[in-house]
Amino acid sequence: MDTNKTNFFELVYQVVRLIPPGRVSTYGAIAAYLGTKGSARMVGWAMNASHKQAGIPAHRVVNREGLLTGKNHFSDPEAMQRLLEKEGIMVESDRIKDFARLFWDPAEHLKI
């Protein structure tokens, strides 16, 4: 495996582990925080690969519109929504309700 990709994935996982329960972030916000603004897709690949590891709340990462675009990478496509709802996040038609209020921006909350 490419060492640079492995290191990037681990940086993504470190940020994702900090997303508080009941909040969500986006692929793009995580990429921007890591200084790689154009690599939102790579963050998505990291999330897809994260299901093989414990302790990474991949269900808290959605696209910039609050859509559950990663749901098909869970063992059960409905698992992402169930996990979010268990944390009090309402989902309707695969979209986070009140997304703007629930959005957690690592650049704001982690202060590089």
PDB file of N, CA and C in Angstrom:
ATOM      1  N   MET A   1       0.850  -1.195   0.000  1.00  0.00           N
ATOM      2  CA  MET A   1       0.000   0.000   0.000  1.00  0.00           C
ATOM      3  C   MET A   1       0.884   1.242   0.000  1.00  0.00           C
ATOM      4  N   ASP A   2       0.432   2.255  -0.679  1.00  0.00           N
ATOM      5  CA  ASP A   2       1.153   3.522  -0.752  1.00  0.00           C
ATOM      6  C   ASP A   2       1.246   4.146   0.645  1.00  0.00           C
ATOM      7  N   THR A   3       2.475   4.386   1.118  1.00  0.00           N
ATOM      8  CA  THR A   3       2.690   4.932   2.458  1.00  0.00           C
ATOM      9  C   THR A   3       2.053   6.301   2.617  1.00  0.00           C
ATOM     10  N   ASN A   4       2.132   7.154   1.583  1.00  0.00           N
ATOM     11  CA  ASN A   4       1.521   8.480   1.683  1.00  0.00           C
ATOM     12  C   ASN A   4       0.013   8.370   1.869  1.00  0.00           C
ATOM     13  N   LYS A   5      -0.623   7.451   1.132  1.00  0.00           N
ATOM     14  CA  LYS A   5      -2.058   7.260   1.272  1.00  0.00           C
ATOM     15  C   LYS A   5      -2.396   6.744   2.668  1.00  0.00           C
ATOM     16  N   THR A   6      -1.602   5.802   3.162  1.00  0.00           N
ATOM     17  CA  THR A   6      -1.822   5.256   4.499  1.00  0.00           C
ATOM     18  C   THR A   6      -1.721   6.361   5.542  1.00  0.00           C
ATOM     19  N   ASN A   7      -0.704   7.209   5.440  1.00  0.00           N
ATOM     20  CA  ASN A   7      -0.545   8.305   6.393  1.00  0.00           C
ATOM     21  C   ASN A   7      -1.699   9.292   6.296  1.00  0.00           C
ATOM     22  N   PHE A   8      -2.142   9.594   5.074  1.00  0.00           N
ATOM     23  CA  PHE A   8      -3.271  10.510   4.898  1.00  0.00           C
ATOM     24  C   PHE A   8      -4.526   9.920   5.532  1.00  0.00           C
ATOM     25  N   PHE A   9      -4.779   8.646   5.281  1.00  0.00           N
ATOM     26  CA  PHE A   9      -5.950   7.995   5.861  1.00  0.00           C
ATOM     27  C   PHE A   9      -5.907   8.097   7.379  1.00  0.00           C
ATOM     28  N   GLU A  10      -4.752   7.861   7.977  1.00  0.00           N
ATOM     29  CA  GLU A  10      -4.655   7.929   9.431  1.00  0.00           C
ATOM     30  C   GLU A  10      -4.919   9.353   9.932  1.00  0.00           C
ATOM     31  N   LEU A  11      -4.463  10.367   9.220  1.00  0.00           N
ATOM     32  CA  LEU A  11      -4.768  11.753   9.599  1.00  0.00           C
ATOM     33  C   LEU A  11      -6.276  12.004   9.534  1.00  0.00           C
ATOM     34  N   VAL A  12      -6.906  11.494   8.489  1.00  0.00           N
ATOM     35  CA  VAL A  12      -8.367  11.619   8.364  1.00  0.00           C
ATOM     36  C   VAL A  12      -9.031  10.967   9.573  1.00  0.00           C
ATOM     37  N   TYR A  13      -8.612   9.761   9.922  1.00  0.00           N
ATOM     38  CA  TYR A  13      -9.219   9.044  11.037  1.00  0.00           C
ATOM     39  C   TYR A  13      -9.048   9.800  12.352  1.00  0.00           C
ATOM     40  N   GLN A  14      -7.894  10.442  12.529  1.00  0.00           N
ATOM     41  CA  GLN A  14      -7.680  11.219  13.749  1.00  0.00           C
ATOM     42  C   GLN A  14      -8.704  12.344  13.860  1.00  0.00           C
ATOM     43  N   VAL A  15      -8.987  13.015  12.748  1.00  0.00           N
ATOM     44  CA  VAL A  15      -9.973  14.100  12.754  1.00  0.00           C
ATOM     45  C   VAL A  15     -11.370  13.537  12.972  1.00  0.00           C
ATOM     46  N   VAL A  16     -11.717  12.481  12.268  1.00  0.00           N
ATOM     47  CA  VAL A  16     -13.064  11.908  12.362  1.00  0.00           C
ATOM     48  C   VAL A  16     -13.364  11.436  13.777  1.00  0.00           C
ATOM     49  N   ARG A  17     -12.371  10.899  14.448  1.00  0.00           N
ATOM     50  CA  ARG A  17     -12.578  10.458  15.840  1.00  0.00           C
ATOM     51  C   ARG A  17     -12.947  11.618  16.757  1.00  0.00           C
ATOM     52  N   LEU A  18     -12.652  12.844  16.361  1.00  0.00           N
ATOM     53  CA  LEU A  18     -12.932  14.025  17.193  1.00  0.00           C
ATOM     54  C   LEU A  18     -14.308  14.634  16.939  1.00  0.00           C
ATOM     55  N   ILE A  19     -15.006  14.165  15.909  1.00  0.00           N
ATOM     56  CA  ILE A  19     -16.352  14.691  15.640  1.00  0.00           C
ATOM     57  C   ILE A  19     -17.250  14.242  16.792  1.00  0.00           C
ATOM     58  N   PRO A  20     -17.851  15.183  17.492  1.00  0.00           N
ATOM     59  CA  PRO A  20     -18.672  14.811  18.655  1.00  0.00           C
ATOM     60  C   PRO A  20     -19.939  14.057  18.244  1.00  0.00           C
ATOM     61  N   PRO A  21     -20.410  13.171  19.097  1.00  0.00           N
ATOM     62  CA  PRO A  21     -21.699  12.527  18.843  1.00  0.00           C
ATOM     63  C   PRO A  21     -22.780  13.593  18.652  1.00  0.00           C
ATOM     64  N   GLY A  22     -23.672  13.344  17.724  1.00  0.00           N
ATOM     65  CA  GLY A  22     -24.743  14.301  17.461  1.00  0.00           C
ATOM     66  C   GLY A  22     -24.354  15.416  16.509  1.00  0.00           C
ATOM     67  N   ARG A  23     -23.160  15.351  15.964  1.00  0.00           N
ATOM     68  CA  ARG A  23     -22.678  16.342  14.998  1.00  0.00           C
ATOM     69  C   ARG A  23     -22.175  15.616  13.764  1.00  0.00           C
ATOM     70  N   VAL A  24     -22.059  16.330  12.651  1.00  0.00           N
ATOM     71  CA  VAL A  24     -21.533  15.754  11.411  1.00  0.00           C
ATOM     72  C   VAL A  24     -20.543  16.714  10.775  1.00  0.00           C
ATOM     73  N   SER A  25     -19.632  16.151  10.006  1.00  0.00           N
ATOM     74  CA  SER A  25     -18.702  16.954   9.227  1.00  0.00           C
ATOM     75  C   SER A  25     -18.778  16.470   7.786  1.00  0.00           C
ATOM     76  N   THR A  26     -17.982  17.104   6.934  1.00  0.00           N
ATOM     77  CA  THR A  26     -18.011  16.750   5.516  1.00  0.00           C
ATOM     78  C   THR A  26     -16.632  16.321   5.047  1.00  0.00           C
ATOM     79  N   TYR A  27     -16.634  15.609   3.936  1.00  0.00           N
ATOM     80  CA  TYR A  27     -15.378  15.186   3.323  1.00  0.00           C
ATOM     81  C   TYR A  27     -14.509  16.410   3.030  1.00  0.00           C
ATOM     82  N   GLY A  28     -15.117  17.443   2.461  1.00  0.00           N
ATOM     83  CA  GLY A  28     -14.388  18.651   2.086  1.00  0.00           C
ATOM     84  C   GLY A  28     -13.843  19.416   3.271  1.00  0.00           C
ATOM     85  N   ALA A  29     -14.620  19.499   4.355  1.00  0.00           N
ATOM     86  CA  ALA A  29     -14.154  20.223   5.542  1.00  0.00           C
ATOM     87  C   ALA A  29     -12.952  19.518   6.163  1.00  0.00           C
ATOM     88  N   ILE A  30     -12.986  18.202   6.158  1.00  0.00           N
ATOM     89  CA  ILE A  30     -11.864  17.436   6.708  1.00  0.00           C
ATOM     90  C   ILE A  30     -10.640  17.611   5.818  1.00  0.00           C
ATOM     91  N   ALA A  31     -10.835  17.535   4.510  1.00  0.00           N
ATOM     92  CA  ALA A  31      -9.717  17.735   3.574  1.00  0.00           C
ATOM     93  C   ALA A  31      -9.109  19.122   3.752  1.00  0.00           C
ATOM     94  N   ALA A  32      -9.950  20.155   3.851  1.00  0.00           N
ATOM     95  CA  ALA A  32      -9.458  21.529   4.018  1.00  0.00           C
ATOM     96  C   ALA A  32      -8.674  21.658   5.319  1.00  0.00           C
ATOM     97  N   TYR A  33      -9.178  21.061   6.390  1.00  0.00           N
ATOM     98  CA  TYR A  33      -8.485  21.119   7.672  1.00  0.00           C
ATOM     99  C   TYR A  33      -7.089  20.501   7.576  1.00  0.00           C
ATOM    100  N   LEU A  34      -6.989  19.428   6.793  1.00  0.00           N
ATOM    101  CA  LEU A  34      -5.704  18.736   6.638  1.00  0.00           C
ATOM    102  C   LEU A  34      -4.789  19.425   5.631  1.00  0.00           C
ATOM    103  N   GLY A  35      -5.236  20.553   5.074  1.00  0.00           N
ATOM    104  CA  GLY A  35      -4.407  21.315   4.155  1.00  0.00           C
ATOM    105  C   GLY A  35      -4.412  20.777   2.737  1.00  0.00           C
ATOM    106  N   THR A  36      -5.407  19.956   2.433  1.00  0.00           N
ATOM    107  CA  THR A  36      -5.525  19.358   1.099  1.00  0.00           C
ATOM    108  C   THR A  36      -6.936  19.597   0.579  1.00  0.00           C
ATOM    109  N   LYS A  37      -7.285  20.857   0.450  1.00  0.00           N
ATOM    110  CA  LYS A  37      -8.658  21.250   0.132  1.00  0.00           C
ATOM    111  C   LYS A  37      -9.272  20.500  -1.050  1.00  0.00           C
ATOM    112  N   GLY A  38      -8.486  20.161  -2.053  1.00  0.00           N
ATOM    113  CA  GLY A  38      -9.023  19.488  -3.228  1.00  0.00           C
ATOM    114  C   GLY A  38      -9.127  17.980  -3.100  1.00  0.00           C
ATOM    115  N   SER A  39      -8.921  17.442  -1.914  1.00  0.00           N
ATOM    116  CA  SER A  39      -8.895  15.988  -1.780  1.00  0.00           C
ATOM    117  C   SER A  39     -10.080  15.408  -1.015  1.00  0.00           C
ATOM    118  N   ALA A  40     -11.244  16.013  -1.166  1.00  0.00           N
ATOM    119  CA  ALA A  40     -12.444  15.491  -0.506  1.00  0.00           C
ATOM    120  C   ALA A  40     -12.712  14.047  -0.916  1.00  0.00           C
ATOM    121  N   ARG A  41     -12.467  13.730  -2.177  1.00  0.00           N
ATOM    122  CA  ARG A  41     -12.697  12.359  -2.649  1.00  0.00           C
ATOM    123  C   ARG A  41     -11.769  11.376  -1.926  1.00  0.00           C
ATOM    124  N   MET A  42     -10.541  11.794  -1.665  1.00  0.00           N
ATOM    125  CA  MET A  42      -9.604  10.929  -0.943  1.00  0.00           C
ATOM    126  C   MET A  42     -10.078  10.709   0.498  1.00  0.00           C
ATOM    127  N   VAL A  43     -10.681  11.733   1.090  1.00  0.00           N
ATOM    128  CA  VAL A  43     -11.269  11.566   2.426  1.00  0.00           C
ATOM    129  C   VAL A  43     -12.388  10.522   2.341  1.00  0.00           C
ATOM    130  N   GLY A  44     -13.170  10.566   1.281  1.00  0.00           N
ATOM    131  CA  GLY A  44     -14.216   9.568   1.076  1.00  0.00           C
ATOM    132  C   GLY A  44     -13.638   8.166   0.976  1.00  0.00           C
ATOM    133  N   TRP A  45     -12.526   8.026   0.270  1.00  0.00           N
ATOM    134  CA  TRP A  45     -11.880   6.712   0.167  1.00  0.00           C
ATOM    135  C   TRP A  45     -11.401   6.241   1.543  1.00  0.00           C
ATOM    136  N   ALA A  46     -10.904   7.187   2.331  1.00  0.00           N
ATOM    137  CA  ALA A  46     -10.481   6.836   3.688  1.00  0.00           C
ATOM    138  C   ALA A  46     -11.678   6.356   4.508  1.00  0.00           C
ATOM    139  N   MET A  47     -12.804   7.030   4.362  1.00  0.00           N
ATOM    140  CA  MET A  47     -13.999   6.609   5.092  1.00  0.00           C
ATOM    141  C   MET A  47     -14.442   5.219   4.645  1.00  0.00           C
ATOM    142  N   ASN A  48     -14.382   4.952   3.354  1.00  0.00           N
ATOM    143  CA  ASN A  48     -14.760   3.631   2.846  1.00  0.00           C
ATOM    144  C   ASN A  48     -13.853   2.550   3.425  1.00  0.00           C
ATOM    145  N   ALA A  49     -12.576   2.854   3.567  1.00  0.00           N
ATOM    146  CA  ALA A  49     -11.612   1.893   4.111  1.00  0.00           C
ATOM    147  C   ALA A  49     -11.706   1.777   5.633  1.00  0.00           C
ATOM    148  N   SER A  50     -12.331   2.739   6.284  1.00  0.00           N
ATOM    149  CA  SER A  50     -12.372   2.771   7.744  1.00  0.00           C
ATOM    150  C   SER A  50     -13.243   1.677   8.348  1.00  0.00           C
ATOM    151  N   HIS A  51     -14.103   1.092   7.557  1.00  0.00           N
ATOM    152  CA  HIS A  51     -15.028   0.093   8.098  1.00  0.00           C
ATOM    153  C   HIS A  51     -14.314  -1.177   8.539  1.00  0.00           C
ATOM    154  N   LYS A  52     -13.052  -1.304   8.197  1.00  0.00           N
ATOM    155  CA  LYS A  52     -12.258  -2.459   8.611  1.00  0.00           C
ATOM    156  C   LYS A  52     -11.586  -2.207   9.964  1.00  0.00           C
ATOM    157  N   GLN A  53     -11.781  -1.013  10.518  1.00  0.00           N
ATOM    158  CA  GLN A  53     -11.157  -0.647  11.784  1.00  0.00           C
ATOM    159  C   GLN A  53     -12.224  -0.252  12.795  1.00  0.00           C
ATOM    160  N   ALA A  54     -11.919  -0.467  14.038  1.00  0.00           N
ATOM    161  CA  ALA A  54     -12.855  -0.092  15.106  1.00  0.00           C
ATOM    162  C   ALA A  54     -12.610   1.351  15.540  1.00  0.00           C
ATOM    163  N   GLY A  55     -13.634   1.982  16.063  1.00  0.00           N
ATOM    164  CA  GLY A  55     -13.487   3.290  16.684  1.00  0.00           C
ATOM    165  C   GLY A  55     -13.454   4.483  15.758  1.00  0.00           C
ATOM    166  N   ILE A  56     -13.846   4.301  14.511  1.00  0.00           N
ATOM    167  CA  ILE A  56     -13.886   5.436  13.583  1.00  0.00           C
ATOM    168  C   ILE A  56     -15.354   5.691  13.225  1.00  0.00           C
ATOM    169  N   PRO A  57     -15.916   6.797  13.707  1.00  0.00           N
ATOM    170  CA  PRO A  57     -17.342   7.065  13.473  1.00  0.00           C
ATOM    171  C   PRO A  57     -17.614   7.603  12.065  1.00  0.00           C
ATOM    172  N   ALA A  58     -17.413   6.753  11.074  1.00  0.00           N
ATOM    173  CA  ALA A  58     -17.576   7.152   9.669  1.00  0.00           C
ATOM    174  C   ALA A  58     -18.990   7.643   9.366  1.00  0.00           C
ATOM    175  N   HIS A  59     -19.953   7.236  10.170  1.00  0.00           N
ATOM    176  CA  HIS A  59     -21.336   7.674   9.937  1.00  0.00           C
ATOM    177  C   HIS A  59     -21.510   9.178  10.136  1.00  0.00           C
ATOM    178  N   ARG A  60     -20.567   9.825  10.774  1.00  0.00           N
ATOM    179  CA  ARG A  60     -20.649  11.268  11.023  1.00  0.00           C
ATOM    180  C   ARG A  60     -20.062  12.107   9.893  1.00  0.00           C
ATOM    181  N   VAL A  61     -19.649  11.470   8.800  1.00  0.00           N
ATOM    182  CA  VAL A  61     -19.072  12.201   7.667  1.00  0.00           C
ATOM    183  C   VAL A  61     -20.011  12.076   6.472  1.00  0.00           C
ATOM    184  N   VAL A  62     -20.470  13.232   5.990  1.00  0.00           N
ATOM    185  CA  VAL A  62     -21.440  13.291   4.897  1.00  0.00           C
ATOM    186  C   VAL A  62     -20.921  14.237   3.813  1.00  0.00           C
ATOM    187  N   ASN A  63     -21.659  14.366   2.736  1.00  0.00           N
ATOM    188  CA  ASN A  63     -21.197  15.294   1.698  1.00  0.00           C
ATOM    189  C   ASN A  63     -21.573  16.727   2.055  1.00  0.00           C
ATOM    190  N   ARG A  64     -21.165  17.673   1.249  1.00  0.00           N
ATOM    191  CA  ARG A  64     -21.328  19.104   1.573  1.00  0.00           C
ATOM    192  C   ARG A  64     -22.776  19.552   1.645  1.00  0.00           C
ATOM    193  N   GLU A  65     -23.692  18.729   1.156  1.00  0.00           N
ATOM    194  CA  GLU A  65     -25.122  19.052   1.228  1.00  0.00           C
ATOM    195  C   GLU A  65     -25.829  18.282   2.343  1.00  0.00           C
ATOM    196  N   GLY A  66     -25.067  17.539   3.117  1.00  0.00           N
ATOM    197  CA  GLY A  66     -25.651  16.763   4.204  1.00  0.00           C
ATOM    198  C   GLY A  66     -26.225  15.433   3.762  1.00  0.00           C
ATOM    199  N   LEU A  67     -25.866  14.983   2.570  1.00  0.00           N
ATOM    200  CA  LEU A  67     -26.363  13.703   2.062  1.00  0.00           C
ATOM    201  C   LEU A  67     -25.511  12.539   2.569  1.00  0.00           C
ATOM    202  N   LEU A  68     -26.151  11.413   2.826  1.00  0.00           N
ATOM    203  CA  LEU A  68     -25.475  10.217   3.300  1.00  0.00           C
ATOM    204  C   LEU A  68     -24.889   9.451   2.117  1.00  0.00           C
ATOM    205  N   THR A  69     -23.953  10.065   1.427  1.00  0.00           N
ATOM    206  CA  THR A  69     -23.402   9.461   0.217  1.00  0.00           C
ATOM    207  C   THR A  69     -22.549   8.237   0.509  1.00  0.00           C
ATOM    208  N   GLY A  70     -22.078   8.057   1.721  1.00  0.00           N
ATOM    209  CA  GLY A  70     -21.250   6.909   2.063  1.00  0.00           C
ATOM    210  C   GLY A  70     -22.025   5.713   2.572  1.00  0.00           C
ATOM    211  N   LYS A  71     -23.338   5.791   2.601  1.00  0.00           N
ATOM    212  CA  LYS A  71     -24.139   4.749   3.238  1.00  0.00           C
ATOM    213  C   LYS A  71     -23.966   3.373   2.610  1.00  0.00           C
ATOM    214  N   ASN A  72     -23.678   3.300   1.335  1.00  0.00           N
ATOM    215  CA  ASN A  72     -23.550   2.001   0.670  1.00  0.00           C
ATOM    216  C   ASN A  72     -22.238   1.301   0.998  1.00  0.00           C
ATOM    217  N   HIS A  73     -21.357   1.966   1.722  1.00  0.00           N
ATOM    218  CA  HIS A  73     -20.093   1.348   2.104  1.00  0.00           C
ATOM    219  C   HIS A  73     -20.164   0.727   3.501  1.00  0.00           C
ATOM    220  N   PHE A  74     -21.317   0.863   4.144  1.00  0.00           N
ATOM    221  CA  PHE A  74     -21.538   0.187   5.420  1.00  0.00           C
ATOM    222  C   PHE A  74     -22.020  -1.231   5.110  1.00  0.00           C
ATOM    223  N   SER A  75     -21.859  -2.139   6.062  1.00  0.00           N
ATOM    224  CA  SER A  75     -22.276  -3.524   5.823  1.00  0.00           C
ATOM    225  C   SER A  75     -23.770  -3.595   5.510  1.00  0.00           C
ATOM    226  N   ASP A  76     -24.530  -2.695   6.081  1.00  0.00           N
ATOM    227  CA  ASP A  76     -25.968  -2.571   5.816  1.00  0.00           C
ATOM    228  C   ASP A  76     -26.191  -1.116   5.406  1.00  0.00           C
ATOM    229  N   PRO A  77     -26.719  -0.856   4.211  1.00  0.00           N
ATOM    230  CA  PRO A  77     -26.892   0.530   3.751  1.00  0.00           C
ATOM    231  C   PRO A  77     -27.730   1.415   4.685  1.00  0.00           C
ATOM    232  N   GLU A  78     -28.544   0.812   5.540  1.00  0.00           N
ATOM    233  CA  GLU A  78     -29.349   1.607   6.476  1.00  0.00           C
ATOM    234  C   GLU A  78     -28.619   1.881   7.794  1.00  0.00           C
ATOM    235  N   ALA A  79     -27.458   1.278   7.966  1.00  0.00           N
ATOM    236  CA  ALA A  79     -26.718   1.416   9.225  1.00  0.00           C
ATOM    237  C   ALA A  79     -26.298   2.860   9.492  1.00  0.00           C
ATOM    238  N   MET A  80     -25.872   3.567   8.461  1.00  0.00           N
ATOM    239  CA  MET A  80     -25.417   4.949   8.644  1.00  0.00           C
ATOM    240  C   MET A  80     -26.541   5.798   9.236  1.00  0.00           C
ATOM    241  N   GLN A  81     -27.724   5.694   8.671  1.00  0.00           N
ATOM    242  CA  GLN A  81     -28.857   6.462   9.178  1.00  0.00           C
ATOM    243  C   GLN A  81     -29.211   6.036  10.600  1.00  0.00           C
ATOM    244  N   ARG A  82     -29.219   4.753  10.876  1.00  0.00           N
ATOM    245  CA  ARG A  82     -29.550   4.274  12.226  1.00  0.00           C
ATOM    246  C   ARG A  82     -28.561   4.820  13.256  1.00  0.00           C
ATOM    247  N   LEU A  83     -27.272   4.798  12.916  1.00  0.00           N
ATOM    248  CA  LEU A  83     -26.261   5.310  13.848  1.00  0.00           C
ATOM    249  C   LEU A  83     -26.441   6.803  14.102  1.00  0.00           C
ATOM    250  N   LEU A  84     -26.734   7.559  13.063  1.00  0.00           N
ATOM    251  CA  LEU A  84     -26.962   8.998  13.222  1.00  0.00           C
ATOM    252  C   LEU A  84     -28.204   9.254  14.071  1.00  0.00           C
ATOM    253  N   GLU A  85     -29.276   8.534  13.795  1.00  0.00           N
ATOM    254  CA  GLU A  85     -30.513   8.726  14.548  1.00  0.00           C
ATOM    255  C   GLU A  85     -30.342   8.331  16.008  1.00  0.00           C
ATOM    256  N   LYS A  86     -29.508   7.341  16.263  1.00  0.00           N
ATOM    257  CA  LYS A  86     -29.220   6.938  17.644  1.00  0.00           C
ATOM    258  C   LYS A  86     -28.551   8.080  18.414  1.00  0.00           C
ATOM    259  N   GLU A  87     -27.858   8.962  17.680  1.00  0.00           N
ATOM    260  CA  GLU A  87     -27.199  10.125  18.290  1.00  0.00           C
ATOM    261  C   GLU A  87     -28.102  11.354  18.283  1.00  0.00           C
ATOM    262  N   GLY A  88     -29.357  11.190  17.861  1.00  0.00           N
ATOM    263  CA  GLY A  88     -30.306  12.297  17.880  1.00  0.00           C
ATOM    264  C   GLY A  88     -30.351  13.110  16.601  1.00  0.00           C
ATOM    265  N   ILE A  89     -29.685  12.657  15.553  1.00  0.00           N
ATOM    266  CA  ILE A  89     -29.676  13.374  14.279  1.00  0.00           C
ATOM    267  C   ILE A  89     -30.820  12.848  13.415  1.00  0.00           C
ATOM    268  N   MET A  90     -31.653  13.744  12.958  1.00  0.00           N
ATOM    269  CA  MET A  90     -32.781  13.366  12.107  1.00  0.00           C
ATOM    270  C   MET A  90     -32.315  13.302  10.655  1.00  0.00           C
ATOM    271  N   VAL A  91     -32.734  12.240   9.966  1.00  0.00           N
ATOM    272  CA  VAL A  91     -32.397  12.040   8.562  1.00  0.00           C
ATOM    273  C   VAL A  91     -33.690  11.849   7.795  1.00  0.00           C
ATOM    274  N   GLU A  92     -33.824  12.570   6.694  1.00  0.00           N
ATOM    275  CA  GLU A  92     -35.001  12.440   5.845  1.00  0.00           C
ATOM    276  C   GLU A  92     -34.545  12.348   4.396  1.00  0.00           C
ATOM    277  N   SER A  93     -34.958  11.292   3.710  1.00  0.00           N
ATOM    278  CA  SER A  93     -34.565  11.062   2.314  1.00  0.00           C
ATOM    279  C   SER A  93     -33.045  11.108   2.147  1.00  0.00           C
ATOM    280  N   ASP A  94     -32.350  10.432   3.047  1.00  0.00           N
ATOM    281  CA  ASP A  94     -30.885  10.339   3.030  1.00  0.00           C
ATOM    282  C   ASP A  94     -30.175  11.682   3.207  1.00  0.00           C
ATOM    283  N   ARG A  95     -30.833  12.650   3.828  1.00  0.00           N
ATOM    284  CA  ARG A  95     -30.241  13.978   4.054  1.00  0.00           C
ATOM    285  C   ARG A  95     -30.408  14.352   5.530  1.00  0.00           C
ATOM    286  N   ILE A  96     -29.339  14.931   6.089  1.00  0.00           N
ATOM    287  CA  ILE A  96     -29.357  15.397   7.476  1.00  0.00           C
ATOM    288  C   ILE A  96     -30.314  16.584   7.583  1.00  0.00           C
ATOM    289  N   LYS A  97     -31.281  16.479   8.486  1.00  0.00           N
ATOM    290  CA  LYS A  97     -32.162  17.619   8.746  1.00  0.00           C
ATOM    291  C   LYS A  97     -31.407  18.594   9.651  1.00  0.00           C
ATOM    292  N   ASP A  98     -31.563  19.873   9.392  1.00  0.00           N
ATOM    293  CA  ASP A  98     -30.902  20.921  10.167  1.00  0.00           C
ATOM    294  C   ASP A  98     -29.378  20.794  10.063  1.00  0.00           C
ATOM    295  N   PHE A  99     -28.937  20.473   8.851  1.00  0.00           N
ATOM    296  CA  PHE A  99     -27.514  20.236   8.590  1.00  0.00           C
ATOM    297  C   PHE A  99     -26.639  21.411   9.024  1.00  0.00           C
ATOM    298  N   ALA A 100     -27.025  22.631   8.711  1.00  0.00           N
ATOM    299  CA  ALA A 100     -26.192  23.795   9.044  1.00  0.00           C
ATOM    300  C   ALA A 100     -25.935  23.887  10.550  1.00  0.00           C
ATOM    301  N   ARG A 101     -26.933  23.573  11.353  1.00  0.00           N
ATOM    302  CA  ARG A 101     -26.772  23.643  12.808  1.00  0.00           C
ATOM    303  C   ARG A 101     -25.904  22.500  13.340  1.00  0.00           C
ATOM    304  N   LEU A 102     -25.978  21.349  12.711  1.00  0.00           N
ATOM    305  CA  LEU A 102     -25.260  20.168  13.177  1.00  0.00           C
ATOM    306  C   LEU A 102     -23.849  20.038  12.598  1.00  0.00           C
ATOM    307  N   PHE A 103     -23.535  20.880  11.610  1.00  0.00           N
ATOM    308  CA  PHE A 103     -22.235  20.810  10.950  1.00  0.00           C
ATOM    309  C   PHE A 103     -21.112  21.160  11.918  1.00  0.00           C
ATOM    310  N   TRP A 104     -20.114  20.304  11.959  1.00  0.00           N
ATOM    311  CA  TRP A 104     -18.929  20.483  12.804  1.00  0.00           C
ATOM    312  C   TRP A 104     -17.738  20.694  11.878  1.00  0.00           C
ATOM    313  N   ASP A 105     -17.168  21.890  11.932  1.00  0.00           N
ATOM    314  CA  ASP A 105     -16.048  22.241  11.063  1.00  0.00           C
ATOM    315  C   ASP A 105     -14.754  22.091  11.858  1.00  0.00           C
ATOM    316  N   PRO A 106     -13.897  21.136  11.475  1.00  0.00           N
ATOM    317  CA  PRO A 106     -12.661  20.952  12.239  1.00  0.00           C
ATOM    318  C   PRO A 106     -11.781  22.204  12.252  1.00  0.00           C
ATOM    319  N   ALA A 107     -11.795  22.988  11.203  1.00  0.00           N
ATOM    320  CA  ALA A 107     -10.971  24.206  11.179  1.00  0.00           C
ATOM    321  C   ALA A 107     -11.412  25.189  12.254  1.00  0.00           C
ATOM    322  N   GLU A 108     -12.689  25.192  12.553  1.00  0.00           N
ATOM    323  CA  GLU A 108     -13.212  26.089  13.591  1.00  0.00           C
ATOM    324  C   GLU A 108     -13.035  25.501  14.992  1.00  0.00           C
ATOM    325  N   HIS A 109     -13.297  24.224  15.118  1.00  0.00           N
ATOM    326  CA  HIS A 109     -13.316  23.606  16.442  1.00  0.00           C
ATOM    327  C   HIS A 109     -11.968  23.072  16.919  1.00  0.00           C
ATOM    328  N   LEU A 110     -11.075  22.772  15.986  1.00  0.00           N
ATOM    329  CA  LEU A 110      -9.780  22.222  16.383  1.00  0.00           C
ATOM    330  C   LEU A 110      -8.674  23.262  16.366  1.00  0.00           C
ATOM    331  N   LYS A 111      -8.883  24.357  15.686  1.00  0.00           N
ATOM    332  CA  LYS A 111      -7.919  25.463  15.648  1.00  0.00           C
ATOM    333  C   LYS A 111      -6.489  24.945  15.479  1.00  0.00           C
ATOM    334  N   ILE A 112      -6.105  24.764  14.236  1.00  0.00           N
ATOM    335  CA  ILE A 112      -4.787  24.201  13.893  1.00  0.00           C
ATOM    336  C   ILE A 112      -3.683  24.831  14.721  1.00  0.00           C
TER     337      ILE A 112
END
